[in-house]
Amino acid sequence: MELDSLHRINLNLLTVFELLMETRSVTDTATYLHTTQPGISRKLAELRRLFSDPLFVLVKRRLVPTPRAMEIRPA
């Protein structure tokens, strides 16, 4: 990612990413943020485009982070 392109990033996506890492659920994340599940799905799609990675895969109705998602998340 180019440094000059950082100004175009919606920083609210980082909140969505962090909550998805915690809840492992689009629905639970939407509930916590008082928004809709489709809205969170759109933000996840934007995150996936931004990082060129699926970030989460669905396993038994729960989101499992990809290695790239684990790498991105701060300790």
Protein backbone atom coordinates (compact mmCIF):
# COMPACT_ATOMS: atom_id res chain seq x y z
CA MET A 1 0.00 0.00 0.00
CA GLU A 2 1.39 3.37 -0.99
CA LEU A 3 1.82 5.93 1.77
CA ASP A 4 0.11 8.66 -0.24
CA SER A 5 -2.99 6.46 -0.64
CA LEU A 6 -3.54 6.23 3.13
CA HIS A 7 -5.62 9.42 3.14
CA ARG A 8 -8.29 7.61 1.11
CA ILE A 9 -8.74 4.77 3.61
CA ASN A 10 -11.88 4.78 5.74
CA LEU A 11 -10.46 4.35 9.25
CA ASN A 12 -13.82 3.01 10.44
CA LEU A 13 -12.89 -0.16 8.61
CA LEU A 14 -10.26 -0.82 11.27
CA THR A 15 -12.98 -0.89 13.94
CA VAL A 16 -14.96 -3.38 11.86
CA PHE A 17 -11.85 -5.51 11.33
CA GLU A 18 -11.04 -5.56 15.04
CA LEU A 19 -14.58 -6.51 16.00
CA LEU A 20 -14.67 -9.25 13.38
CA MET A 21 -11.46 -10.61 14.88
CA GLU A 22 -13.08 -10.58 18.33
CA THR A 23 -16.58 -11.84 17.52
CA ARG A 24 -15.79 -14.00 14.47
CA SER A 25 -19.31 -13.09 13.32
CA VAL A 26 -20.68 -10.51 10.88
CA THR A 27 -24.04 -10.57 12.67
CA ASP A 28 -22.53 -10.05 16.14
CA THR A 29 -20.31 -7.26 14.82
CA ALA A 30 -23.34 -5.56 13.27
CA THR A 31 -25.26 -5.84 16.55
CA TYR A 32 -22.36 -4.38 18.53
CA LEU A 33 -22.01 -1.46 16.11
CA HIS A 34 -25.79 -0.89 15.90
CA THR A 35 -25.80 -1.38 12.15
CA THR A 36 -26.98 -4.01 9.70
CA GLN A 37 -25.40 -7.30 8.72
CA PRO A 38 -25.33 -6.29 5.02
CA GLY A 39 -23.53 -3.08 6.02
CA ILE A 40 -20.81 -5.06 7.80
CA SER A 41 -20.59 -7.44 4.85
CA ARG A 42 -19.96 -4.45 2.56
CA LYS A 43 -17.23 -3.19 4.89
CA LEU A 44 -15.67 -6.66 4.94
CA ALA A 45 -15.70 -6.67 1.13
CA GLU A 46 -13.94 -3.30 1.19
CA LEU A 47 -11.34 -4.64 3.64
CA ARG A 48 -10.80 -7.64 1.39
CA ARG A 49 -10.16 -5.36 -1.60
CA LEU A 50 -7.90 -3.11 0.45
CA PHE A 51 -5.69 -5.98 1.65
CA SER A 52 -6.07 -8.22 -1.43
CA ASP A 53 -6.94 -11.14 0.83
CA PRO A 54 -10.18 -12.83 1.97
CA LEU A 55 -9.13 -12.05 5.59
CA PHE A 56 -11.79 -14.44 6.95
CA VAL A 57 -13.17 -17.75 5.73
CA LEU A 58 -16.42 -19.28 6.89
CA VAL A 59 -16.00 -22.53 8.84
CA LYS A 60 -19.01 -24.05 10.60
CA ARG A 61 -20.86 -20.72 10.57
CA ARG A 62 -17.95 -18.84 12.19
CA LEU A 63 -15.37 -16.61 10.58
CA VAL A 64 -11.84 -17.90 10.82
CA PRO A 65 -9.08 -15.36 10.13
CA THR A 66 -6.61 -16.06 7.36
CA PRO A 67 -2.87 -15.90 8.06
CA ARG A 68 -2.88 -12.41 6.49
CA ALA A 69 -5.58 -11.24 8.94
CA MET A 70 -3.53 -12.57 11.84
CA GLU A 71 -0.50 -10.73 10.49
CA ILE A 72 -2.41 -7.43 10.17
CA ARG A 73 -3.91 -7.45 13.64
CA PRO A 74 -1.87 -5.58 16.23
CA ALA A 75 -0.65 -7.66 19.15
